[in-house]
C-alpha cells in the first residue's frame, strides 16, 4: 500500500514550477508586512467598500477609533506597499481596481 506522500505525489501536480525570485519575495513581503496590522486590514477594507473605492481620511478615523495622524500613518504604509493610491483632492485615498492591484503582485 502506498504511503500518503507517495499517493499525493502520484496524483497531484505541483502548484508551482519554480520558487519566487528574491526581488519578488521582497515586494510580496512588504505587502504582507503592511497587512500584518489589523487596523490596516480594516482601513483597506473600508476604502474598498466606499463608493467608487475611495474615501477621505476624515471618514476613516471614527470607525477605527484612532486620531487622524495615526490613521494617516497607517494609510501611508498601505500606499507605500502599493495597496492604496493617493490622489490630490484634499486627503482622498483610492484602492486600485483588483486587476491593477493584482498586476503588482508577483505572477507565476
PDB file of N, CA and C in Angstrom:
ATOM      1  N   UNK A   1       0.848  -1.189   0.000  1.00  0.00           N
ATOM      2  CA  UNK A   1       0.000   0.000   0.000  1.00  0.00           C
ATOM      3  C   UNK A   1       0.888   1.245   0.000  1.00  0.00           C
ATOM      4  N   UNK A   2       0.638   2.216  -0.921  1.00  0.00           N
ATOM      5  CA  UNK A   2       1.489   3.405  -0.982  1.00  0.00           C
ATOM      6  C   UNK A   2       1.284   4.300   0.236  1.00  0.00           C
ATOM      7  N   UNK A   3       2.338   4.985   0.609  1.00  0.00           N
ATOM      8  CA  UNK A   3       2.217   5.937   1.712  1.00  0.00           C
ATOM      9  C   UNK A   3       1.469   7.167   1.228  1.00  0.00           C
ATOM     10  N   UNK A   4       1.027   7.979   2.157  1.00  0.00           N
ATOM     11  CA  UNK A   4       0.295   9.192   1.792  1.00  0.00           C
ATOM     12  C   UNK A   4       1.157  10.099   0.920  1.00  0.00           C
ATOM     13  N   UNK A   5       2.436  10.245   1.269  1.00  0.00           N
ATOM     14  CA  UNK A   5       3.336  11.096   0.488  1.00  0.00           C
ATOM     15  C   UNK A   5       3.441  10.599  -0.947  1.00  0.00           C
ATOM     16  N   UNK A   6       3.591   9.289  -1.131  1.00  0.00           N
ATOM     17  CA  UNK A   6       3.700   8.711  -2.463  1.00  0.00           C
ATOM     18  C   UNK A   6       2.396   8.891  -3.221  1.00  0.00           C
ATOM     19  N   UNK A   7       1.267   8.674  -2.545  1.00  0.00           N
ATOM     20  CA  UNK A   7      -0.033   8.810  -3.188  1.00  0.00           C
ATOM     21  C   UNK A   7      -0.268  10.250  -3.637  1.00  0.00           C
ATOM     22  N   UNK A   8       0.128  11.216  -2.809  1.00  0.00           N
ATOM     23  CA  UNK A   8      -0.059  12.618  -3.178  1.00  0.00           C
ATOM     24  C   UNK A   8       0.815  13.006  -4.357  1.00  0.00           C
ATOM     25  N   UNK A   9       2.045  12.582  -4.347  1.00  0.00           N
ATOM     26  CA  UNK A   9       2.921  12.965  -5.445  1.00  0.00           C
ATOM     27  C   UNK A   9       2.514  12.283  -6.743  1.00  0.00           C
ATOM     28  N   UNK A  10       1.862  11.149  -6.658  1.00  0.00           N
ATOM     29  CA  UNK A  10       1.448  10.444  -7.861  1.00  0.00           C
ATOM     30  C   UNK A  10       0.181  11.046  -8.467  1.00  0.00           C
ATOM     31  N   UNK A  11      -0.692  11.616  -7.642  1.00  0.00           N
ATOM     32  CA  UNK A  11      -1.975  12.086  -8.174  1.00  0.00           C
ATOM     33  C   UNK A  11      -2.087  13.596  -8.302  1.00  0.00           C
ATOM     34  N   UNK A  12      -1.201  14.336  -7.686  1.00  0.00           N
ATOM     35  CA  UNK A  12      -1.346  15.793  -7.679  1.00  0.00           C
ATOM     36  C   UNK A  12      -0.147  16.461  -8.338  1.00  0.00           C
ATOM     37  N   UNK A  13      -0.438  17.306  -9.294  1.00  0.00           N
ATOM     38  CA  UNK A  13       0.627  18.074  -9.936  1.00  0.00           C
ATOM     39  C   UNK A  13       1.028  19.212  -9.014  1.00  0.00           C
ATOM     40  N   UNK A  14       2.283  19.598  -9.010  1.00  0.00           N
ATOM     41  CA  UNK A  14       2.692  20.737  -8.174  1.00  0.00           C
ATOM     42  C   UNK A  14       1.981  22.007  -8.611  1.00  0.00           C
ATOM     43  N   UNK A  15       1.711  22.882  -7.647  1.00  0.00           N
ATOM     44  CA  UNK A  15       1.016  24.133  -7.942  1.00  0.00           C
ATOM     45  C   UNK A  15       1.935  25.162  -8.591  1.00  0.00           C
ATOM     46  N   UNK A  16       3.218  25.079  -8.320  1.00  0.00           N
ATOM     47  CA  UNK A  16       4.179  25.997  -8.922  1.00  0.00           C
ATOM     48  C   UNK A  16       5.308  25.194  -9.545  1.00  0.00           C
ATOM     49  N   UNK A  17       5.948  25.783 -10.523  1.00  0.00           N
ATOM     50  CA  UNK A  17       7.039  25.086 -11.178  1.00  0.00           C
ATOM     51  C   UNK A  17       8.393  25.623 -10.744  1.00  0.00           C
ATOM     52  N   UNK A  18       8.411  26.814 -10.129  1.00  0.00           N
ATOM     53  CA  UNK A  18       9.656  27.381  -9.640  1.00  0.00           C
ATOM     54  C   UNK A  18       9.374  28.234  -8.425  1.00  0.00           C
ATOM     55  N   UNK A  19      10.384  28.462  -7.634  1.00  0.00           N
ATOM     56  CA  UNK A  19      10.199  29.281  -6.438  1.00  0.00           C
ATOM     57  C   UNK A  19      10.217  30.757  -6.815  1.00  0.00           C
ATOM     58  N   UNK A  20       9.760  31.571  -5.910  1.00  0.00           N
ATOM     59  CA  UNK A  20       9.687  33.015  -6.122  1.00  0.00           C
ATOM     60  C   UNK A  20      11.105  33.600  -6.130  1.00  0.00           C
ATOM     61  N   UNK A  21      11.311  34.610  -6.943  1.00  0.00           N
ATOM     62  CA  UNK A  21      12.623  35.256  -7.006  1.00  0.00           C
ATOM     63  C   UNK A  21      12.846  36.085  -5.746  1.00  0.00           C
ATOM     64  N   UNK A  22      14.086  36.403  -5.478  1.00  0.00           N
ATOM     65  CA  UNK A  22      14.417  37.221  -4.309  1.00  0.00           C
ATOM     66  C   UNK A  22      13.748  38.593  -4.406  1.00  0.00           C
ATOM     67  N   UNK A  23      13.739  39.188  -5.596  1.00  0.00           N
ATOM     68  CA  UNK A  23      13.123  40.507  -5.786  1.00  0.00           C
ATOM     69  C   UNK A  23      11.613  40.451  -5.544  1.00  0.00           C
ATOM     70  N   UNK A  24      10.956  39.428  -6.099  1.00  0.00           N
ATOM     71  CA  UNK A  24       9.514  39.282  -5.892  1.00  0.00           C
ATOM     72  C   UNK A  24       9.189  38.982  -4.426  1.00  0.00           C
ATOM     73  N   UNK A  25      10.066  38.254  -3.760  1.00  0.00           N
ATOM     74  CA  UNK A  25       9.853  37.941  -2.338  1.00  0.00           C
ATOM     75  C   UNK A  25       9.892  39.213  -1.499  1.00  0.00           C
ATOM     76  N   UNK A  26      10.792  40.120  -1.827  1.00  0.00           N
ATOM     77  CA  UNK A  26      10.880  41.393  -1.102  1.00  0.00           C
ATOM     78  C   UNK A  26       9.601  42.200  -1.320  1.00  0.00           C
ATOM     79  N   UNK A  27       9.134  42.272  -2.549  1.00  0.00           N
ATOM     80  CA  UNK A  27       7.911  43.011  -2.873  1.00  0.00           C
ATOM     81  C   UNK A  27       6.707  42.425  -2.146  1.00  0.00           C
ATOM     82  N   UNK A  28       6.580  41.117  -2.200  1.00  0.00           N
ATOM     83  CA  UNK A  28       5.448  40.451  -1.564  1.00  0.00           C
ATOM     84  C   UNK A  28       5.519  40.564  -0.042  1.00  0.00           C
ATOM     85  N   UNK A  29       6.715  40.458   0.521  1.00  0.00           N
ATOM     86  CA  UNK A  29       6.877  40.586   1.973  1.00  0.00           C
ATOM     87  C   UNK A  29       6.458  41.973   2.454  1.00  0.00           C
ATOM     88  N   UNK A  30       6.735  43.010   1.653  1.00  0.00           N
ATOM     89  CA  UNK A  30       6.323  44.363   2.027  1.00  0.00           C
ATOM     90  C   UNK A  30       4.803  44.470   2.087  1.00  0.00           C
ATOM     91  N   UNK A  31       4.120  43.826   1.158  1.00  0.00           N
ATOM     92  CA  UNK A  31       2.658  43.830   1.173  1.00  0.00           C
ATOM     93  C   UNK A  31       2.125  43.072   2.389  1.00  0.00           C
ATOM     94  N   UNK A  32       2.720  41.912   2.673  1.00  0.00           N
ATOM     95  CA  UNK A  32       2.300  41.142   3.847  1.00  0.00           C
ATOM     96  C   UNK A  32       2.577  41.914   5.135  1.00  0.00           C
ATOM     97  N   UNK A  33       3.713  42.582   5.199  1.00  0.00           N
ATOM     98  CA  UNK A  33       4.051  43.359   6.395  1.00  0.00           C
ATOM     99  C   UNK A  33       3.030  44.479   6.607  1.00  0.00           C
ATOM    100  N   UNK A  34       2.640  45.137   5.525  1.00  0.00           N
ATOM    101  CA  UNK A  34       1.639  46.204   5.633  1.00  0.00           C
ATOM    102  C   UNK A  34       0.306  45.658   6.121  1.00  0.00           C
ATOM    103  N   UNK A  35      -0.018  44.444   5.731  1.00  0.00           N
ATOM    104  CA  UNK A  35      -1.294  43.839   6.114  1.00  0.00           C
ATOM    105  C   UNK A  35      -1.218  43.081   7.437  1.00  0.00           C
ATOM    106  N   UNK A  36      -0.059  43.089   8.093  1.00  0.00           N
ATOM    107  CA  UNK A  36       0.104  42.361   9.351  1.00  0.00           C
ATOM    108  C   UNK A  36      -0.577  43.072  10.517  1.00  0.00           C
ATOM    109  N   UNK A  37      -1.019  44.286  10.306  1.00  0.00           N
ATOM    110  CA  UNK A  37      -1.689  45.051  11.353  1.00  0.00           C
ATOM    111  C   UNK A  37      -3.194  45.022  11.108  1.00  0.00           C
ATOM    112  N   UNK A  38      -3.988  44.590  12.097  1.00  0.00           N
ATOM    113  CA  UNK A  38      -5.446  44.503  11.902  1.00  0.00           C
ATOM    114  C   UNK A  38      -6.097  45.838  11.539  1.00  0.00           C
ATOM    115  N   UNK A  39      -5.575  46.940  12.059  1.00  0.00           N
ATOM    116  CA  UNK A  39      -6.137  48.255  11.719  1.00  0.00           C
ATOM    117  C   UNK A  39      -5.958  48.538  10.238  1.00  0.00           C
ATOM    118  N   UNK A  40      -4.805  48.189   9.688  1.00  0.00           N
ATOM    119  CA  UNK A  40      -4.563  48.425   8.266  1.00  0.00           C
ATOM    120  C   UNK A  40      -5.459  47.562   7.400  1.00  0.00           C
ATOM    121  N   UNK A  41      -5.704  46.338   7.829  1.00  0.00           N
ATOM    122  CA  UNK A  41      -6.625  45.474   7.082  1.00  0.00           C
ATOM    123  C   UNK A  41      -8.014  46.099   7.085  1.00  0.00           C
ATOM    124  N   UNK A  42      -8.440  46.609   8.231  1.00  0.00           N
ATOM    125  CA  UNK A  42      -9.754  47.266   8.314  1.00  0.00           C
ATOM    126  C   UNK A  42      -9.801  48.509   7.439  1.00  0.00           C
ATOM    127  N   UNK A  43      -8.751  49.326   7.470  1.00  0.00           N
ATOM    128  CA  UNK A  43      -8.724  50.540   6.658  1.00  0.00           C
ATOM    129  C   UNK A  43      -8.790  50.210   5.174  1.00  0.00           C
ATOM    130  N   UNK A  44      -8.034  49.227   4.744  1.00  0.00           N
ATOM    131  CA  UNK A  44      -8.069  48.811   3.340  1.00  0.00           C
ATOM    132  C   UNK A  44      -9.476  48.352   2.961  1.00  0.00           C
ATOM    133  N   UNK A  45     -10.095  47.588   3.840  1.00  0.00           N
ATOM    134  CA  UNK A  45     -11.456  47.101   3.600  1.00  0.00           C
ATOM    135  C   UNK A  45     -12.458  48.253   3.529  1.00  0.00           C
ATOM    136  N   UNK A  46     -12.298  49.227   4.414  1.00  0.00           N
ATOM    137  CA  UNK A  46     -13.229  50.365   4.425  1.00  0.00           C
ATOM    138  C   UNK A  46     -13.090  51.210   3.166  1.00  0.00           C
ATOM    139  N   UNK A  47     -11.860  51.450   2.719  1.00  0.00           N
ATOM    140  CA  UNK A  47     -11.668  52.224   1.487  1.00  0.00           C
ATOM    141  C   UNK A  47     -12.265  51.461   0.312  1.00  0.00           C
ATOM    142  N   UNK A  48     -12.018  50.170   0.255  1.00  0.00           N
ATOM    143  CA  UNK A  48     -12.551  49.353  -0.844  1.00  0.00           C
ATOM    144  C   UNK A  48     -14.072  49.321  -0.836  1.00  0.00           C
ATOM    145  N   UNK A  49     -14.679  49.415   0.341  1.00  0.00           N
ATOM    146  CA  UNK A  49     -16.139  49.356   0.452  1.00  0.00           C
ATOM    147  C   UNK A  49     -16.815  50.691   0.168  1.00  0.00           C
ATOM    148  N   UNK A  50     -16.068  51.796   0.231  1.00  0.00           N
ATOM    149  CA  UNK A  50     -16.645  53.113  -0.051  1.00  0.00           C
ATOM    150  C   UNK A  50     -17.044  53.205  -1.525  1.00  0.00           C
ATOM    151  N   UNK A  51     -18.015  54.061  -1.786  1.00  0.00           N
ATOM    152  CA  UNK A  51     -18.466  54.308  -3.147  1.00  0.00           C
ATOM    153  C   UNK A  51     -17.288  54.724  -4.016  1.00  0.00           C
ATOM    154  N   UNK A  52     -17.095  54.051  -5.124  1.00  0.00           N
ATOM    155  CA  UNK A  52     -16.006  54.375  -6.031  1.00  0.00           C
ATOM    156  C   UNK A  52     -14.648  53.923  -5.547  1.00  0.00           C
ATOM    157  N   UNK A  53     -14.597  53.101  -4.506  1.00  0.00           N
ATOM    158  CA  UNK A  53     -13.335  52.624  -3.931  1.00  0.00           C
ATOM    159  C   UNK A  53     -12.436  53.764  -3.485  1.00  0.00           C
ATOM    160  N   UNK A  54     -13.040  54.819  -2.947  1.00  0.00           N
ATOM    161  CA  UNK A  54     -12.256  55.932  -2.452  1.00  0.00           C
ATOM    162  C   UNK A  54     -12.885  56.470  -1.183  1.00  0.00           C
ATOM    163  N   UNK A  55     -12.047  57.040  -0.326  1.00  0.00           N
ATOM    164  CA  UNK A  55     -12.531  57.560   0.948  1.00  0.00           C
ATOM    165  C   UNK A  55     -11.633  58.695   1.406  1.00  0.00           C
ATOM    166  N   UNK A  56     -12.207  59.581   2.178  1.00  0.00           N
ATOM    167  CA  UNK A  56     -11.460  60.661   2.805  1.00  0.00           C
ATOM    168  C   UNK A  56     -10.959  60.162   4.161  1.00  0.00           C
ATOM    169  N   UNK A  57      -9.779  60.594   4.548  1.00  0.00           N
ATOM    170  CA  UNK A  57      -9.236  60.213   5.854  1.00  0.00           C
ATOM    171  C   UNK A  57     -10.225  60.568   6.960  1.00  0.00           C
ATOM    172  N   UNK A  58     -10.930  61.669   6.801  1.00  0.00           N
ATOM    173  CA  UNK A  58     -11.882  62.104   7.820  1.00  0.00           C
ATOM    174  C   UNK A  58     -13.017  61.094   8.027  1.00  0.00           C
ATOM    175  N   UNK A  59     -13.293  60.263   7.006  1.00  0.00           N
ATOM    176  CA  UNK A  59     -14.330  59.241   7.128  1.00  0.00           C
ATOM    177  C   UNK A  59     -13.822  57.966   7.791  1.00  0.00           C
ATOM    178  N   UNK A  60     -12.514  57.852   7.975  1.00  0.00           N
ATOM    179  CA  UNK A  60     -11.929  56.609   8.469  1.00  0.00           C
ATOM    180  C   UNK A  60     -11.505  56.664   9.931  1.00  0.00           C
ATOM    181  N   UNK A  61     -11.380  57.845  10.492  1.00  0.00           N
ATOM    182  CA  UNK A  61     -10.868  57.954  11.863  1.00  0.00           C
ATOM    183  C   UNK A  61     -11.848  57.402  12.895  1.00  0.00           C
ATOM    184  N   UNK A  62     -13.109  57.785  12.807  1.00  0.00           N
ATOM    185  CA  UNK A  62     -14.085  57.351  13.799  1.00  0.00           C
ATOM    186  C   UNK A  62     -14.303  55.835  13.802  1.00  0.00           C
ATOM    187  N   UNK A  63     -14.491  55.191  12.654  1.00  0.00           N
ATOM    188  CA  UNK A  63     -14.733  53.741  12.678  1.00  0.00           C
ATOM    189  C   UNK A  63     -13.600  52.921  13.311  1.00  0.00           C
ATOM    190  N   UNK A  64     -12.353  53.380  13.179  1.00  0.00           N
ATOM    191  CA  UNK A  64     -11.250  52.625  13.779  1.00  0.00           C
ATOM    192  C   UNK A  64     -10.864  53.165  15.156  1.00  0.00           C
ATOM    193  N   UNK A  65     -11.453  54.295  15.536  1.00  0.00           N
ATOM    194  CA  UNK A  65     -11.216  54.851  16.869  1.00  0.00           C
ATOM    195  C   UNK A  65      -9.806  55.380  17.078  1.00  0.00           C
ATOM    196  N   UNK A  66      -9.220  55.915  16.015  1.00  0.00           N
ATOM    197  CA  UNK A  66      -7.870  56.456  16.101  1.00  0.00           C
ATOM    198  C   UNK A  66      -7.862  57.901  15.624  1.00  0.00           C
ATOM    199  N   UNK A  67      -6.834  58.634  16.020  1.00  0.00           N
ATOM    200  CA  UNK A  67      -6.718  60.029  15.608  1.00  0.00           C
ATOM    201  C   UNK A  67      -6.339  60.108  14.129  1.00  0.00           C
ATOM    202  N   UNK A  68      -6.555  61.287  13.551  1.00  0.00           N
ATOM    203  CA  UNK A  68      -6.245  61.487  12.136  1.00  0.00           C
ATOM    204  C   UNK A  68      -4.765  61.249  11.833  1.00  0.00           C
ATOM    205  N   UNK A  69      -3.830  61.738  12.661  1.00  0.00           N
ATOM    206  CA  UNK A  69      -2.422  61.466  12.354  1.00  0.00           C
ATOM    207  C   UNK A  69      -2.082  59.967  12.365  1.00  0.00           C
ATOM    208  N   UNK A  70      -2.681  59.222  13.285  1.00  0.00           N
ATOM    209  CA  UNK A  70      -2.420  57.784  13.357  1.00  0.00           C
ATOM    210  C   UNK A  70      -2.999  57.066  12.150  1.00  0.00           C
ATOM    211  N   UNK A  71      -4.212  57.427  11.760  1.00  0.00           N
ATOM    212  CA  UNK A  71      -4.820  56.824  10.569  1.00  0.00           C
ATOM    213  C   UNK A  71      -3.999  57.188   9.336  1.00  0.00           C
ATOM    214  N   UNK A  72      -3.566  58.426   9.232  1.00  0.00           N
ATOM    215  CA  UNK A  72      -2.738  58.837   8.096  1.00  0.00           C
ATOM    216  C   UNK A  72      -1.444  58.029   8.031  1.00  0.00           C
ATOM    217  N   UNK A  73      -0.849  57.753   9.183  1.00  0.00           N
ATOM    218  CA  UNK A  73       0.367  56.930   9.228  1.00  0.00           C
ATOM    219  C   UNK A  73       0.088  55.531   8.679  1.00  0.00           C
ATOM    220  N   UNK A  74      -1.001  54.909   9.132  1.00  0.00           N
ATOM    221  CA  UNK A  74      -1.366  53.571   8.639  1.00  0.00           C
ATOM    222  C   UNK A  74      -1.636  53.598   7.135  1.00  0.00           C
ATOM    223  N   UNK A  75      -2.316  54.627   6.669  1.00  0.00           N
ATOM    224  CA  UNK A  75      -2.619  54.740   5.240  1.00  0.00           C
ATOM    225  C   UNK A  75      -1.344  54.931   4.416  1.00  0.00           C
ATOM    226  N   UNK A  76      -0.382  55.681   4.940  1.00  0.00           N
ATOM    227  CA  UNK A  76       0.891  55.871   4.243  1.00  0.00           C
ATOM    228  C   UNK A  76       1.596  54.525   4.056  1.00  0.00           C
ATOM    229  N   UNK A  77       1.541  53.673   5.052  1.00  0.00           N
ATOM    230  CA  UNK A  77       2.160  52.347   4.945  1.00  0.00           C
ATOM    231  C   UNK A  77       1.468  51.537   3.855  1.00  0.00           C
ATOM    232  N   UNK A  78       0.136  51.616   3.784  1.00  0.00           N
ATOM    233  CA  UNK A  78      -0.605  50.903   2.738  1.00  0.00           C
ATOM    234  C   UNK A  78      -0.297  51.475   1.353  1.00  0.00           C
ATOM    235  N   UNK A  79      -0.139  52.791   1.266  1.00  0.00           N
ATOM    236  CA  UNK A  79       0.221  53.430  -0.014  1.00  0.00           C
ATOM    237  C   UNK A  79       1.630  53.002  -0.424  1.00  0.00           C
ATOM    238  N   UNK A  80       2.564  53.044   0.514  1.00  0.00           N
ATOM    239  CA  UNK A  80       3.956  52.666   0.222  1.00  0.00           C
ATOM    240  C   UNK A  80       4.069  51.205  -0.222  1.00  0.00           C
ATOM    241  N   UNK A  81       3.175  50.352   0.278  1.00  0.00           N
ATOM    242  CA  UNK A  81       3.181  48.931  -0.093  1.00  0.00           C
ATOM    243  C   UNK A  81       2.461  48.689  -1.419  1.00  0.00           C
ATOM    244  N   UNK A  82       1.861  49.741  -1.988  1.00  0.00           N
ATOM    245  CA  UNK A  82       1.173  49.599  -3.265  1.00  0.00           C
ATOM    246  C   UNK A  82      -0.245  49.067  -3.145  1.00  0.00           C
ATOM    247  N   UNK A  83      -0.795  49.070  -1.941  1.00  0.00           N
ATOM    248  CA  UNK A  83      -2.138  48.552  -1.735  1.00  0.00           C
ATOM    249  C   UNK A  83      -3.206  49.637  -1.857  1.00  0.00           C
ATOM    250  N   UNK A  84      -2.819  50.885  -1.676  1.00  0.00           N
ATOM    251  CA  UNK A  84      -3.703  52.034  -1.873  1.00  0.00           C
ATOM    252  C   UNK A  84      -2.958  53.048  -2.726  1.00  0.00           C
ATOM    253  N   UNK A  85      -3.720  53.934  -3.329  1.00  0.00           N
ATOM    254  CA  UNK A  85      -3.103  55.067  -4.010  1.00  0.00           C
ATOM    255  C   UNK A  85      -3.741  56.331  -3.456  1.00  0.00           C
ATOM    256  N   UNK A  86      -3.035  57.419  -3.582  1.00  0.00           N
ATOM    257  CA  UNK A  86      -3.494  58.686  -3.031  1.00  0.00           C
ATOM    258  C   UNK A  86      -3.685  59.665  -4.181  1.00  0.00           C
ATOM    259  N   UNK A  87      -4.768  60.422  -4.135  1.00  0.00           N
ATOM    260  CA  UNK A  87      -4.980  61.466  -5.134  1.00  0.00           C
ATOM    261  C   UNK A  87      -5.014  62.810  -4.420  1.00  0.00           C
ATOM    262  N   UNK A  88      -4.664  63.841  -5.130  1.00  0.00           N
ATOM    263  CA  UNK A  88      -4.618  65.176  -4.540  1.00  0.00           C
ATOM    264  C   UNK A  88      -5.944  65.900  -4.693  1.00  0.00           C
ATOM    265  N   UNK A  89      -6.940  65.393  -4.029  1.00  0.00           N
ATOM    266  CA  UNK A  89      -8.224  66.085  -3.875  1.00  0.00           C
ATOM    267  C   UNK A  89      -8.425  66.208  -2.385  1.00  0.00           C
ATOM    268  N   UNK A  90      -7.626  66.976  -1.761  1.00  0.00           N
ATOM    269  CA  UNK A  90      -7.619  67.013  -0.301  1.00  0.00           C
ATOM    270  C   UNK A  90      -6.844  65.807   0.198  1.00  0.00           C
ATOM    271  N   UNK A  91      -7.514  64.966   0.948  1.00  0.00           N
ATOM    272  CA  UNK A  91      -6.853  63.779   1.522  1.00  0.00           C
ATOM    273  C   UNK A  91      -7.590  62.504   1.131  1.00  0.00           C
ATOM    274  N   UNK A  92      -8.047  62.421  -0.087  1.00  0.00           N
ATOM    275  CA  UNK A  92      -8.778  61.252  -0.556  1.00  0.00           C
ATOM    276  C   UNK A  92      -7.820  60.126  -0.929  1.00  0.00           C
ATOM    277  N   UNK A  93      -8.239  58.915  -0.628  1.00  0.00           N
ATOM    278  CA  UNK A  93      -7.478  57.719  -0.975  1.00  0.00           C
ATOM    279  C   UNK A  93      -8.332  56.840  -1.854  1.00  0.00           C
ATOM    280  N   UNK A  94      -7.700  56.133  -2.755  1.00  0.00           N
ATOM    281  CA  UNK A  94      -8.439  55.197  -3.595  1.00  0.00           C
ATOM    282  C   UNK A  94      -7.739  53.850  -3.585  1.00  0.00           C
ATOM    283  N   UNK A  95      -8.525  52.800  -3.804  1.00  0.00           N
ATOM    284  CA  UNK A  95      -7.922  51.492  -3.993  1.00  0.00           C
ATOM    285  C   UNK A  95      -7.881  51.248  -5.489  1.00  0.00           C
ATOM    286  N   UNK A  96      -6.748  50.799  -6.004  1.00  0.00           N
ATOM    287  CA  UNK A  96      -6.720  50.460  -7.423  1.00  0.00           C
ATOM    288  C   UNK A  96      -7.710  49.324  -7.686  1.00  0.00           C
ATOM    289  N   UNK A  97      -8.142  49.187  -8.920  1.00  0.00           N
ATOM    290  CA  UNK A  97      -9.039  48.078  -9.229  1.00  0.00           C
ATOM    291  C   UNK A  97      -8.324  46.770  -8.924  1.00  0.00           C
ATOM    292  N   UNK A  98      -9.092  45.694  -8.746  1.00  0.00           N
ATOM    293  CA  UNK A  98      -8.476  44.399  -8.440  1.00  0.00           C
ATOM    294  C   UNK A  98      -7.471  44.026  -9.514  1.00  0.00           C
ATOM    295  N   UNK A  99      -7.803  44.291 -10.754  1.00  0.00           N
ATOM    296  CA  UNK A  99      -6.903  43.941 -11.844  1.00  0.00           C
ATOM    297  C   UNK A  99      -5.601  44.727 -11.719  1.00  0.00           C
ATOM    298  N   UNK A 100      -5.686  46.014 -11.417  1.00  0.00           N
ATOM    299  CA  UNK A 100      -4.481  46.823 -11.249  1.00  0.00           C
ATOM    300  C   UNK A 100      -3.669  46.337 -10.058  1.00  0.00           C
ATOM    301  N   UNK A 101      -4.350  46.015  -8.930  1.00  0.00           N
ATOM    302  CA  UNK A 101      -3.656  45.533  -7.739  1.00  0.00           C
ATOM    303  C   UNK A 101      -2.962  44.216  -8.008  1.00  0.00           C
ATOM    304  N   UNK A 102      -3.636  43.325  -8.728  1.00  0.00           N
ATOM    305  CA  UNK A 102      -3.058  42.009  -8.959  1.00  0.00           C
ATOM    306  C   UNK A 102      -1.832  42.074  -9.863  1.00  0.00           C
ATOM    307  N   UNK A 103      -1.726  43.109 -10.689  1.00  0.00           N
ATOM    308  CA  UNK A 103      -0.553  43.261 -11.554  1.00  0.00           C
ATOM    309  C   UNK A 103       0.699  43.547 -10.742  1.00  0.00           C
ATOM    310  N   UNK A 104       0.531  44.150  -9.555  1.00  0.00           N
ATOM    311  CA  UNK A 104       1.698  44.485  -8.747  1.00  0.00           C
ATOM    312  C   UNK A 104       2.167  43.305  -7.895  1.00  0.00           C
ATOM    313  N   UNK A 105       1.406  42.212  -7.871  1.00  0.00           N
ATOM    314  CA  UNK A 105       1.810  41.034  -7.115  1.00  0.00           C
ATOM    315  C   UNK A 105       2.606  40.123  -8.039  1.00  0.00           C
ATOM    316  N   UNK A 106       3.610  39.453  -7.514  1.00  0.00           N
ATOM    317  CA  UNK A 106       4.401  38.551  -8.346  1.00  0.00           C
ATOM    318  C   UNK A 106       3.516  37.483  -8.989  1.00  0.00           C
ATOM    319  N   UNK A 107       3.716  37.237 -10.255  1.00  0.00           N
ATOM    320  CA  UNK A 107       2.925  36.249 -11.002  1.00  0.00           C
ATOM    321  C   UNK A 107       3.804  35.048 -11.328  1.00  0.00           C
ATOM    322  N   UNK A 108       3.282  33.890 -11.181  1.00  0.00           N
ATOM    323  CA  UNK A 108       3.997  32.656 -11.542  1.00  0.00           C
ATOM    324  C   UNK A 108       3.076  31.762 -12.299  1.00  0.00           C
TER     325      UNK A 108
END
